[in-house]
Amino acid sequence: MDADERDIFNYLKTWGSEFVGVREICRRAGTKKRFHENPEWAKPILQLMTERSILERDILGRYRVKPKPKHGRGGRWVSPDIEKLLKENGVEVESNSTEINDDEHYEQL
């Protein structure tokens, strides 16, 4: 992500799962000077981020950060000690310890 995308992403992340209007994003994600120079500076960036599946848009044209996809059916959590014992006995255990945080997930897109 470039600087503009990161600004928009960090701003929308503060809203959680709520959708935010384009005008509000243009006003708040950048600086006042940038908004006064070009009040619609974020529109092409928002479209690009939507195409890259970083953001999602509702029918009213508002945006939010797209939730991370959930993998699998939410298998059981196994403590690292138990996992180690099971591996020593030859039992293969799927670990959830390889989960990546939100920022790393969106950086990979």
PDB file of N, CA and C in Angstrom:
ATOM      1  N   MET A   1       0.843  -1.187   0.000  1.00  0.00           N
ATOM      2  CA  MET A   1       0.000   0.000   0.000  1.00  0.00           C
ATOM      3  C   MET A   1       0.878   1.237   0.000  1.00  0.00           C
ATOM      4  N   ASP A   2       0.433   2.235  -0.730  1.00  0.00           N
ATOM      5  CA  ASP A   2       1.159   3.495  -0.698  1.00  0.00           C
ATOM      6  C   ASP A   2       0.627   4.355   0.456  1.00  0.00           C
ATOM      7  N   ALA A   3       1.143   5.562   0.577  1.00  0.00           N
ATOM      8  CA  ALA A   3       0.800   6.419   1.718  1.00  0.00           C
ATOM      9  C   ALA A   3      -0.680   6.790   1.743  1.00  0.00           C
ATOM     10  N   ASP A   4      -1.254   7.112   0.588  1.00  0.00           N
ATOM     11  CA  ASP A   4      -2.664   7.488   0.539  1.00  0.00           C
ATOM     12  C   ASP A   4      -3.555   6.309   0.944  1.00  0.00           C
ATOM     13  N   GLU A   5      -3.245   5.141   0.413  1.00  0.00           N
ATOM     14  CA  GLU A   5      -4.030   3.951   0.764  1.00  0.00           C
ATOM     15  C   GLU A   5      -3.919   3.659   2.254  1.00  0.00           C
ATOM     16  N   ARG A   6      -2.721   3.810   2.803  1.00  0.00           N
ATOM     17  CA  ARG A   6      -2.519   3.549   4.227  1.00  0.00           C
ATOM     18  C   ARG A   6      -3.315   4.542   5.084  1.00  0.00           C
ATOM     19  N   ASP A   7      -3.342   5.820   4.667  1.00  0.00           N
ATOM     20  CA  ASP A   7      -4.123   6.821   5.401  1.00  0.00           C
ATOM     21  C   ASP A   7      -5.608   6.454   5.410  1.00  0.00           C
ATOM     22  N   ILE A   8      -6.118   6.089   4.244  1.00  0.00           N
ATOM     23  CA  ILE A   8      -7.528   5.713   4.146  1.00  0.00           C
ATOM     24  C   ILE A   8      -7.800   4.452   4.945  1.00  0.00           C
ATOM     25  N   PHE A   9      -6.928   3.451   4.832  1.00  0.00           N
ATOM     26  CA  PHE A   9      -7.102   2.201   5.552  1.00  0.00           C
ATOM     27  C   PHE A   9      -7.113   2.435   7.065  1.00  0.00           C
ATOM     28  N   ASN A  10      -6.150   3.207   7.562  1.00  0.00           N
ATOM     29  CA  ASN A  10      -6.080   3.473   9.007  1.00  0.00           C
ATOM     30  C   ASN A  10      -7.290   4.258   9.490  1.00  0.00           C
ATOM     31  N   TYR A  11      -7.776   5.185   8.672  1.00  0.00           N
ATOM     32  CA  TYR A  11      -8.968   5.938   9.057  1.00  0.00           C
ATOM     33  C   TYR A  11     -10.193   5.025   9.121  1.00  0.00           C
ATOM     34  N   LEU A  12     -10.392   4.212   8.100  1.00  0.00           N
ATOM     35  CA  LEU A  12     -11.567   3.329   8.078  1.00  0.00           C
ATOM     36  C   LEU A  12     -11.491   2.255   9.154  1.00  0.00           C
ATOM     37  N   LYS A  13     -10.275   1.861   9.511  1.00  0.00           N
ATOM     38  CA  LYS A  13     -10.111   0.849  10.552  1.00  0.00           C
ATOM     39  C   LYS A  13     -10.655   1.344  11.894  1.00  0.00           C
ATOM     40  N   THR A  14     -10.615   2.650  12.128  1.00  0.00           N
ATOM     41  CA  THR A  14     -11.133   3.189  13.389  1.00  0.00           C
ATOM     42  C   THR A  14     -12.652   3.086  13.471  1.00  0.00           C
ATOM     43  N   TRP A  15     -13.320   2.933  12.327  1.00  0.00           N
ATOM     44  CA  TRP A  15     -14.777   2.839  12.291  1.00  0.00           C
ATOM     45  C   TRP A  15     -15.274   1.406  12.484  1.00  0.00           C
ATOM     46  N   GLY A  16     -14.371   0.442  12.488  1.00  0.00           N
ATOM     47  CA  GLY A  16     -14.777  -0.946  12.679  1.00  0.00           C
ATOM     48  C   GLY A  16     -15.597  -1.453  11.508  1.00  0.00           C
ATOM     49  N   SER A  17     -16.787  -1.982  11.798  1.00  0.00           N
ATOM     50  CA  SER A  17     -17.613  -2.574  10.744  1.00  0.00           C
ATOM     51  C   SER A  17     -18.634  -1.594  10.166  1.00  0.00           C
ATOM     52  N   GLU A  18     -18.566  -0.323  10.562  1.00  0.00           N
ATOM     53  CA  GLU A  18     -19.492   0.681  10.024  1.00  0.00           C
ATOM     54  C   GLU A  18     -19.021   1.174   8.665  1.00  0.00           C
ATOM     55  N   PHE A  19     -19.971   1.479   7.801  1.00  0.00           N
ATOM     56  CA  PHE A  19     -19.661   2.065   6.504  1.00  0.00           C
ATOM     57  C   PHE A  19     -19.537   3.574   6.656  1.00  0.00           C
ATOM     58  N   VAL A  20     -18.612   4.167   5.886  1.00  0.00           N
ATOM     59  CA  VAL A  20     -18.349   5.608   5.964  1.00  0.00           C
ATOM     60  C   VAL A  20     -18.473   6.192   4.562  1.00  0.00           C
ATOM     61  N   GLY A  21     -19.099   7.361   4.463  1.00  0.00           N
ATOM     62  CA  GLY A  21     -19.299   8.026   3.185  1.00  0.00           C
ATOM     63  C   GLY A  21     -18.008   8.554   2.579  1.00  0.00           C
ATOM     64  N   VAL A  22     -18.024   8.699   1.272  1.00  0.00           N
ATOM     65  CA  VAL A  22     -16.837   9.143   0.534  1.00  0.00           C
ATOM     66  C   VAL A  22     -16.422  10.544   0.965  1.00  0.00           C
ATOM     67  N   ARG A  23     -17.382  11.424   1.099  1.00  0.00           N
ATOM     68  CA  ARG A  23     -17.063  12.803   1.482  1.00  0.00           C
ATOM     69  C   ARG A  23     -16.372  12.852   2.846  1.00  0.00           C
ATOM     70  N   GLU A  24     -16.851  12.051   3.771  1.00  0.00           N
ATOM     71  CA  GLU A  24     -16.245  12.003   5.106  1.00  0.00           C
ATOM     72  C   GLU A  24     -14.820  11.458   5.035  1.00  0.00           C
ATOM     73  N   ILE A  25     -14.612  10.463   4.210  1.00  0.00           N
ATOM     74  CA  ILE A  25     -13.266   9.900   4.049  1.00  0.00           C
ATOM     75  C   ILE A  25     -12.329  10.949   3.450  1.00  0.00           C
ATOM     76  N   CYS A  26     -12.799  11.661   2.434  1.00  0.00           N
ATOM     77  CA  CYS A  26     -11.984  12.701   1.816  1.00  0.00           C
ATOM     78  C   CYS A  26     -11.635  13.803   2.819  1.00  0.00           C
ATOM     79  N   ARG A  27     -12.560  14.129   3.696  1.00  0.00           N
ATOM     80  CA  ARG A  27     -12.328  15.193   4.682  1.00  0.00           C
ATOM     81  C   ARG A  27     -11.386  14.765   5.786  1.00  0.00           C
ATOM     82  N   ARG A  28     -11.537  13.539   6.269  1.00  0.00           N
ATOM     83  CA  ARG A  28     -10.850  13.134   7.488  1.00  0.00           C
ATOM     84  C   ARG A  28      -9.589  12.294   7.296  1.00  0.00           C
ATOM     85  N   ALA A  29      -9.478  11.560   6.185  1.00  0.00           N
ATOM     86  CA  ALA A  29      -8.336  10.669   6.010  1.00  0.00           C
ATOM     87  C   ALA A  29      -7.065  11.427   5.633  1.00  0.00           C
ATOM     88  N   GLY A  30      -7.213  12.542   4.962  1.00  0.00           N
ATOM     89  CA  GLY A  30      -6.055  13.344   4.574  1.00  0.00           C
ATOM     90  C   GLY A  30      -5.970  14.610   5.410  1.00  0.00           C
ATOM     91  N   THR A  31      -5.202  15.546   4.928  1.00  0.00           N
ATOM     92  CA  THR A  31      -5.057  16.818   5.640  1.00  0.00           C
ATOM     93  C   THR A  31      -6.116  17.818   5.167  1.00  0.00           C
ATOM     94  N   LYS A  32      -6.291  18.879   5.937  1.00  0.00           N
ATOM     95  CA  LYS A  32      -7.240  19.935   5.559  1.00  0.00           C
ATOM     96  C   LYS A  32      -6.829  20.573   4.230  1.00  0.00           C
ATOM     97  N   LYS A  33      -5.539  20.782   4.086  1.00  0.00           N
ATOM     98  CA  LYS A  33      -5.031  21.418   2.869  1.00  0.00           C
ATOM     99  C   LYS A  33      -5.360  20.561   1.644  1.00  0.00           C
ATOM    100  N   ARG A  34      -5.159  19.285   1.786  1.00  0.00           N
ATOM    101  CA  ARG A  34      -5.433  18.380   0.656  1.00  0.00           C
ATOM    102  C   ARG A  34      -6.913  18.393   0.298  1.00  0.00           C
ATOM    103  N   PHE A  35      -7.769  18.395   1.309  1.00  0.00           N
ATOM    104  CA  PHE A  35      -9.204  18.426   1.058  1.00  0.00           C
ATOM    105  C   PHE A  35      -9.621  19.723   0.365  1.00  0.00           C
ATOM    106  N   HIS A  36      -9.052  20.857   0.781  1.00  0.00           N
ATOM    107  CA  HIS A  36      -9.410  22.133   0.164  1.00  0.00           C
ATOM    108  C   HIS A  36      -8.880  22.251  -1.264  1.00  0.00           C
ATOM    109  N   GLU A  37      -7.732  21.624  -1.547  1.00  0.00           N
ATOM    110  CA  GLU A  37      -7.190  21.642  -2.910  1.00  0.00           C
ATOM    111  C   GLU A  37      -8.006  20.767  -3.854  1.00  0.00           C
ATOM    112  N   ASN A  38      -8.418  19.587  -3.367  1.00  0.00           N
ATOM    113  CA  ASN A  38      -9.184  18.644  -4.188  1.00  0.00           C
ATOM    114  C   ASN A  38     -10.135  17.871  -3.273  1.00  0.00           C
ATOM    115  N   PRO A  39     -11.404  18.294  -3.177  1.00  0.00           N
ATOM    116  CA  PRO A  39     -12.340  17.658  -2.249  1.00  0.00           C
ATOM    117  C   PRO A  39     -12.675  16.197  -2.568  1.00  0.00           C
ATOM    118  N   GLU A  40     -12.305  15.723  -3.744  1.00  0.00           N
ATOM    119  CA  GLU A  40     -12.621  14.345  -4.109  1.00  0.00           C
ATOM    120  C   GLU A  40     -11.359  13.524  -4.367  1.00  0.00           C
ATOM    121  N   TRP A  41     -10.287  13.819  -3.650  1.00  0.00           N
ATOM    122  CA  TRP A  41      -8.999  13.174  -3.888  1.00  0.00           C
ATOM    123  C   TRP A  41      -9.021  11.671  -3.624  1.00  0.00           C
ATOM    124  N   ALA A  42      -9.869  11.187  -2.754  1.00  0.00           N
ATOM    125  CA  ALA A  42      -9.835   9.777  -2.346  1.00  0.00           C
ATOM    126  C   ALA A  42     -10.656   8.855  -3.248  1.00  0.00           C
ATOM    127  N   LYS A  43     -11.505   9.395  -4.099  1.00  0.00           N
ATOM    128  CA  LYS A  43     -12.388   8.542  -4.906  1.00  0.00           C
ATOM    129  C   LYS A  43     -11.650   7.503  -5.746  1.00  0.00           C
ATOM    130  N   PRO A  44     -10.643   7.879  -6.544  1.00  0.00           N
ATOM    131  CA  PRO A  44      -9.964   6.839  -7.337  1.00  0.00           C
ATOM    132  C   PRO A  44      -9.225   5.826  -6.467  1.00  0.00           C
ATOM    133  N   ILE A  45      -8.715   6.266  -5.349  1.00  0.00           N
ATOM    134  CA  ILE A  45      -7.998   5.362  -4.445  1.00  0.00           C
ATOM    135  C   ILE A  45      -8.971   4.373  -3.816  1.00  0.00           C
ATOM    136  N   LEU A  46     -10.154   4.850  -3.450  1.00  0.00           N
ATOM    137  CA  LEU A  46     -11.170   3.968  -2.880  1.00  0.00           C
ATOM    138  C   LEU A  46     -11.605   2.903  -3.884  1.00  0.00           C
ATOM    139  N   GLN A  47     -11.769   3.296  -5.137  1.00  0.00           N
ATOM    140  CA  GLN A  47     -12.143   2.321  -6.165  1.00  0.00           C
ATOM    141  C   GLN A  47     -11.058   1.277  -6.352  1.00  0.00           C
ATOM    142  N   LEU A  48      -9.808   1.715  -6.363  1.00  0.00           N
ATOM    143  CA  LEU A  48      -8.685   0.794  -6.514  1.00  0.00           C
ATOM    144  C   LEU A  48      -8.621  -0.181  -5.330  1.00  0.00           C
ATOM    145  N   MET A  49      -8.808   0.333  -4.122  1.00  0.00           N
ATOM    146  CA  MET A  49      -8.762  -0.521  -2.929  1.00  0.00           C
ATOM    147  C   MET A  49      -9.932  -1.508  -2.915  1.00  0.00           C
ATOM    148  N   THR A  50     -11.068  -1.118  -3.482  1.00  0.00           N
ATOM    149  CA  THR A  50     -12.212  -2.025  -3.584  1.00  0.00           C
ATOM    150  C   THR A  50     -11.917  -3.131  -4.584  1.00  0.00           C
ATOM    151  N   GLU A  51     -11.298  -2.787  -5.699  1.00  0.00           N
ATOM    152  CA  GLU A  51     -10.936  -3.795  -6.695  1.00  0.00           C
ATOM    153  C   GLU A  51      -9.919  -4.783  -6.150  1.00  0.00           C
ATOM    154  N   ARG A  52      -9.038  -4.319  -5.264  1.00  0.00           N
ATOM    155  CA  ARG A  52      -8.025  -5.192  -4.667  1.00  0.00           C
ATOM    156  C   ARG A  52      -8.549  -5.948  -3.440  1.00  0.00           C
ATOM    157  N   SER A  53      -9.830  -5.806  -3.143  1.00  0.00           N
ATOM    158  CA  SER A  53     -10.500  -6.494  -2.025  1.00  0.00           C
ATOM    159  C   SER A  53      -9.975  -6.090  -0.657  1.00  0.00           C
ATOM    160  N   ILE A  54      -9.550  -4.855  -0.531  1.00  0.00           N
ATOM    161  CA  ILE A  54      -9.165  -4.331   0.777  1.00  0.00           C
ATOM    162  C   ILE A  54     -10.386  -3.698   1.433  1.00  0.00           C
ATOM    163  N   LEU A  55     -11.207  -3.032   0.611  1.00  0.00           N
ATOM    164  CA  LEU A  55     -12.418  -2.380   1.094  1.00  0.00           C
ATOM    165  C   LEU A  55     -13.631  -3.020   0.448  1.00  0.00           C
ATOM    166  N   GLU A  56     -14.781  -2.798   1.077  1.00  0.00           N
ATOM    167  CA  GLU A  56     -16.034  -3.188   0.442  1.00  0.00           C
ATOM    168  C   GLU A  56     -16.973  -2.002   0.482  1.00  0.00           C
ATOM    169  N   ARG A  57     -17.922  -1.991  -0.464  1.00  0.00           N
ATOM    170  CA  ARG A  57     -18.823  -0.855  -0.652  1.00  0.00           C
ATOM    171  C   ARG A  57     -20.258  -1.334  -0.514  1.00  0.00           C
ATOM    172  N   ASP A  58     -21.099  -0.514   0.127  1.00  0.00           N
ATOM    173  CA  ASP A  58     -22.518  -0.866   0.230  1.00  0.00           C
ATOM    174  C   ASP A  58     -23.290  -0.208  -0.911  1.00  0.00           C
ATOM    175  N   ILE A  59     -24.596  -0.421  -0.924  1.00  0.00           N
ATOM    176  CA  ILE A  59     -25.410   0.090  -2.035  1.00  0.00           C
ATOM    177  C   ILE A  59     -25.543   1.612  -2.011  1.00  0.00           C
ATOM    178  N   LEU A  60     -25.232   2.239  -0.889  1.00  0.00           N
ATOM    179  CA  LEU A  60     -25.290   3.695  -0.802  1.00  0.00           C
ATOM    180  C   LEU A  60     -23.975   4.356  -1.192  1.00  0.00           C
ATOM    181  N   GLY A  61     -22.954   3.561  -1.530  1.00  0.00           N
ATOM    182  CA  GLY A  61     -21.676   4.113  -1.946  1.00  0.00           C
ATOM    183  C   GLY A  61     -20.729   4.401  -0.799  1.00  0.00           C
ATOM    184  N   ARG A  62     -21.006   3.856   0.364  1.00  0.00           N
ATOM    185  CA  ARG A  62     -20.128   4.047   1.517  1.00  0.00           C
ATOM    186  C   ARG A  62     -19.135   2.888   1.583  1.00  0.00           C
ATOM    187  N   TYR A  63     -18.024   3.105   2.239  1.00  0.00           N
ATOM    188  CA  TYR A  63     -16.944   2.116   2.281  1.00  0.00           C
ATOM    189  C   TYR A  63     -16.619   1.708   3.711  1.00  0.00           C
ATOM    190  N   ARG A  64     -16.031   0.508   3.827  1.00  0.00           N
ATOM    191  CA  ARG A  64     -15.466   0.036   5.089  1.00  0.00           C
ATOM    192  C   ARG A  64     -14.369  -0.971   4.759  1.00  0.00           C
ATOM    193  N   VAL A  65     -13.545  -1.276   5.767  1.00  0.00           N
ATOM    194  CA  VAL A  65     -12.505  -2.282   5.590  1.00  0.00           C
ATOM    195  C   VAL A  65     -13.180  -3.637   5.507  1.00  0.00           C
ATOM    196  N   LYS A  66     -12.822  -4.395   4.492  1.00  0.00           N
ATOM    197  CA  LYS A  66     -13.418  -5.708   4.288  1.00  0.00           C
ATOM    198  C   LYS A  66     -12.932  -6.650   5.396  1.00  0.00           C
ATOM    199  N   PRO A  67     -13.849  -7.347   6.059  1.00  0.00           N
ATOM    200  CA  PRO A  67     -13.427  -8.259   7.128  1.00  0.00           C
ATOM    201  C   PRO A  67     -12.552  -9.383   6.587  1.00  0.00           C
ATOM    202  N   LYS A  68     -11.630  -9.838   7.424  1.00  0.00           N
ATOM    203  CA  LYS A  68     -10.771 -10.954   7.039  1.00  0.00           C
ATOM    204  C   LYS A  68     -11.607 -12.205   6.866  1.00  0.00           C
ATOM    205  N   PRO A  69     -11.326 -12.999   5.837  1.00  0.00           N
ATOM    206  CA  PRO A  69     -12.085 -14.244   5.672  1.00  0.00           C
ATOM    207  C   PRO A  69     -11.721 -15.239   6.770  1.00  0.00           C
ATOM    208  N   LYS A  70     -12.718 -15.969   7.219  1.00  0.00           N
ATOM    209  CA  LYS A  70     -12.482 -16.993   8.235  1.00  0.00           C
ATOM    210  C   LYS A  70     -12.189 -18.298   7.524  1.00  0.00           C
ATOM    211  N   HIS A  71     -11.076 -18.900   7.870  1.00  0.00           N
ATOM    212  CA  HIS A  71     -10.670 -20.146   7.238  1.00  0.00           C
ATOM    213  C   HIS A  71     -11.194 -21.329   8.031  1.00  0.00           C
ATOM    214  N   GLY A  72     -11.744 -22.289   7.327  1.00  0.00           N
ATOM    215  CA  GLY A  72     -12.206 -23.509   7.992  1.00  0.00           C
ATOM    216  C   GLY A  72     -13.454 -23.267   8.817  1.00  0.00           C
ATOM    217  N   ARG A  73     -13.726 -24.202   9.675  1.00  0.00           N
ATOM    218  CA  ARG A  73     -14.924 -24.104  10.512  1.00  0.00           C
ATOM    219  C   ARG A  73     -14.579 -23.696  11.933  1.00  0.00           C
ATOM    220  N   GLY A  74     -13.404 -23.106  12.124  1.00  0.00           N
ATOM    221  CA  GLY A  74     -13.041 -22.682  13.471  1.00  0.00           C
ATOM    222  C   GLY A  74     -12.666 -23.862  14.342  1.00  0.00           C
ATOM    223  N   GLY A  75     -11.690 -24.631  13.897  1.00  0.00           N
ATOM    224  CA  GLY A  75     -11.260 -25.835  14.621  1.00  0.00           C
ATOM    225  C   GLY A  75     -10.906 -25.558  16.067  1.00  0.00           C
ATOM    226  N   ARG A  76     -10.579 -26.595  16.752  1.00  0.00           N
ATOM    227  CA  ARG A  76     -10.279 -26.459  18.175  1.00  0.00           C
ATOM    228  C   ARG A  76      -8.904 -25.865  18.398  1.00  0.00           C
ATOM    229  N   TRP A  77      -8.801 -25.116  19.456  1.00  0.00           N
ATOM    230  CA  TRP A  77      -7.522 -24.550  19.843  1.00  0.00           C
ATOM    231  C   TRP A  77      -6.793 -25.580  20.681  1.00  0.00           C
ATOM    232  N   VAL A  78      -5.502 -25.745  20.409  1.00  0.00           N
ATOM    233  CA  VAL A  78      -4.683 -26.685  21.163  1.00  0.00           C
ATOM    234  C   VAL A  78      -3.518 -25.902  21.745  1.00  0.00           C
ATOM    235  N   SER A  79      -3.295 -26.069  23.046  1.00  0.00           N
ATOM    236  CA  SER A  79      -2.191 -25.349  23.667  1.00  0.00           C
ATOM    237  C   SER A  79      -0.869 -25.842  23.084  1.00  0.00           C
ATOM    238  N   PRO A  80       0.149 -24.996  23.082  1.00  0.00           N
ATOM    239  CA  PRO A  80       1.434 -25.398  22.515  1.00  0.00           C
ATOM    240  C   PRO A  80       2.036 -26.635  23.192  1.00  0.00           C
ATOM    241  N   ASP A  81       1.836 -26.772  24.507  1.00  0.00           N
ATOM    242  CA  ASP A  81       2.379 -27.939  25.219  1.00  0.00           C
ATOM    243  C   ASP A  81       1.715 -29.230  24.759  1.00  0.00           C
ATOM    244  N   ILE A  82       0.385 -29.205  24.648  1.00  0.00           N
ATOM    245  CA  ILE A  82      -0.354 -30.391  24.199  1.00  0.00           C
ATOM    246  C   ILE A  82       0.014 -30.708  22.751  1.00  0.00           C
ATOM    247  N   GLU A  83       0.140 -29.669  21.929  1.00  0.00           N
ATOM    248  CA  GLU A  83       0.506 -29.873  20.530  1.00  0.00           C
ATOM    249  C   GLU A  83       1.869 -30.561  20.430  1.00  0.00           C
ATOM    250  N   LYS A  84       2.798 -30.141  21.266  1.00  0.00           N
ATOM    251  CA  LYS A  84       4.135 -30.734  21.267  1.00  0.00           C
ATOM    252  C   LYS A  84       4.071 -32.215  21.653  1.00  0.00           C
ATOM    253  N   LEU A  85       3.299 -32.542  22.696  1.00  0.00           N
ATOM    254  CA  LEU A  85       3.152 -33.933  23.127  1.00  0.00           C
ATOM    255  C   LEU A  85       2.517 -34.789  22.037  1.00  0.00           C
ATOM    256  N   LEU A  86       1.499 -34.251  21.388  1.00  0.00           N
ATOM    257  CA  LEU A  86       0.840 -35.006  20.329  1.00  0.00           C
ATOM    258  C   LEU A  86       1.782 -35.251  19.141  1.00  0.00           C
ATOM    259  N   LYS A  87       2.573 -34.249  18.785  1.00  0.00           N
ATOM    260  CA  LYS A  87       3.514 -34.422  17.679  1.00  0.00           C
ATOM    261  C   LYS A  87       4.585 -35.455  18.011  1.00  0.00           C
ATOM    262  N   GLU A  88       5.016 -35.494  19.285  1.00  0.00           N
ATOM    263  CA  GLU A  88       5.996 -36.498  19.704  1.00  0.00           C
ATOM    264  C   GLU A  88       5.439 -37.909  19.567  1.00  0.00           C
ATOM    265  N   ASN A  89       4.130 -38.054  19.722  1.00  0.00           N
ATOM    266  CA  ASN A  89       3.485 -39.354  19.607  1.00  0.00           C
ATOM    267  C   ASN A  89       2.996 -39.641  18.188  1.00  0.00           C
ATOM    268  N   GLY A  90       3.322 -38.756  17.249  1.00  0.00           N
ATOM    269  CA  GLY A  90       3.000 -39.010  15.854  1.00  0.00           C
ATOM    270  C   GLY A  90       1.621 -38.556  15.415  1.00  0.00           C
ATOM    271  N   VAL A  91       0.927 -37.789  16.226  1.00  0.00           N
ATOM    272  CA  VAL A  91      -0.402 -37.295  15.863  1.00  0.00           C
ATOM    273  C   VAL A  91      -0.240 -35.909  15.240  1.00  0.00           C
ATOM    274  N   GLU A  92      -0.777 -35.739  14.031  1.00  0.00           N
ATOM    275  CA  GLU A  92      -0.693 -34.462  13.337  1.00  0.00           C
ATOM    276  C   GLU A  92      -1.814 -33.546  13.817  1.00  0.00           C
ATOM    277  N   VAL A  93      -1.446 -32.363  14.256  1.00  0.00           N
ATOM    278  CA  VAL A  93      -2.424 -31.413  14.788  1.00  0.00           C
ATOM    279  C   VAL A  93      -2.345 -30.132  13.965  1.00  0.00           C
ATOM    280  N   GLU A  94      -3.510 -29.619  13.554  1.00  0.00           N
ATOM    281  CA  GLU A  94      -3.540 -28.330  12.873  1.00  0.00           C
ATOM    282  C   GLU A  94      -3.520 -27.246  13.928  1.00  0.00           C
ATOM    283  N   SER A  95      -2.548 -26.379  13.837  1.00  0.00           N
ATOM    284  CA  SER A  95      -2.385 -25.332  14.832  1.00  0.00           C
ATOM    285  C   SER A  95      -2.933 -24.022  14.312  1.00  0.00           C
ATOM    286  N   ASN A  96      -3.511 -23.232  15.197  1.00  0.00           N
ATOM    287  CA  ASN A  96      -3.988 -21.898  14.849  1.00  0.00           C
ATOM    288  C   ASN A  96      -2.927 -20.854  15.142  1.00  0.00           C
ATOM    289  N   SER A  97      -1.723 -21.289  15.499  1.00  0.00           N
ATOM    290  CA  SER A  97      -0.668 -20.351  15.859  1.00  0.00           C
ATOM    291  C   SER A  97      -0.096 -19.624  14.655  1.00  0.00           C
ATOM    292  N   THR A  98      -0.441 -20.044  13.441  1.00  0.00           N
ATOM    293  CA  THR A  98       0.074 -19.386  12.244  1.00  0.00           C
ATOM    294  C   THR A  98      -0.836 -18.261  11.769  1.00  0.00           C
ATOM    295  N   GLU A  99      -1.794 -17.867  12.587  1.00  0.00           N
ATOM    296  CA  GLU A  99      -2.690 -16.769  12.222  1.00  0.00           C
ATOM    297  C   GLU A  99      -1.876 -15.497  12.035  1.00  0.00           C
ATOM    298  N   ILE A 100      -2.244 -14.696  11.066  1.00  0.00           N
ATOM    299  CA  ILE A 100      -1.592 -13.417  10.856  1.00  0.00           C
ATOM    300  C   ILE A 100      -2.539 -12.314  11.308  1.00  0.00           C
ATOM    301  N   ASN A 101      -1.956 -11.217  11.757  1.00  0.00           N
ATOM    302  CA  ASN A 101      -2.817 -10.135  12.234  1.00  0.00           C
ATOM    303  C   ASN A 101      -3.423  -9.371  11.061  1.00  0.00           C
ATOM    304  N   ASP A 102      -4.314  -8.468  11.357  1.00  0.00           N
ATOM    305  CA  ASP A 102      -5.071  -7.761  10.316  1.00  0.00           C
ATOM    306  C   ASP A 102      -4.167  -6.967   9.373  1.00  0.00           C
ATOM    307  N   ASP A 103      -3.209  -6.241   9.924  1.00  0.00           N
ATOM    308  CA  ASP A 103      -2.372  -5.402   9.075  1.00  0.00           C
ATOM    309  C   ASP A 103      -1.557  -6.248   8.095  1.00  0.00           C
ATOM    310  N   GLU A 104      -1.015  -7.374   8.569  1.00  0.00           N
ATOM    311  CA  GLU A 104      -0.247  -8.246   7.674  1.00  0.00           C
ATOM    312  C   GLU A 104      -1.137  -8.828   6.590  1.00  0.00           C
ATOM    313  N   HIS A 105      -2.372  -9.164   6.942  1.00  0.00           N
ATOM    314  CA  HIS A 105      -3.310  -9.724   5.959  1.00  0.00           C
ATOM    315  C   HIS A 105      -3.559  -8.720   4.833  1.00  0.00           C
ATOM    316  N   TYR A 106      -3.817  -7.476   5.182  1.00  0.00           N
ATOM    317  CA  TYR A 106      -4.127  -6.481   4.162  1.00  0.00           C
ATOM    318  C   TYR A 106      -2.889  -6.038   3.401  1.00  0.00           C
ATOM    319  N   GLU A 107      -1.689  -6.166   3.994  1.00  0.00           N
ATOM    320  CA  GLU A 107      -0.464  -5.861   3.286  1.00  0.00           C
ATOM    321  C   GLU A 107      -0.223  -6.864   2.165  1.00  0.00           C
ATOM    322  N   GLN A 108      -0.668  -8.100   2.348  1.00  0.00           N
ATOM    323  CA  GLN A 108      -0.451  -9.139   1.358  1.00  0.00           C
ATOM    324  C   GLN A 108      -1.360  -8.992   0.152  1.00  0.00           C
ATOM    325  N   LEU A 109      -2.421  -8.203   0.253  1.00  0.00           N
ATOM    326  CA  LEU A 109      -3.360  -8.043  -0.870  1.00  0.00           C
ATOM    327  C   LEU A 109      -2.794  -7.153  -1.959  1.00  0.00           C
TER     328      LEU A 109
END
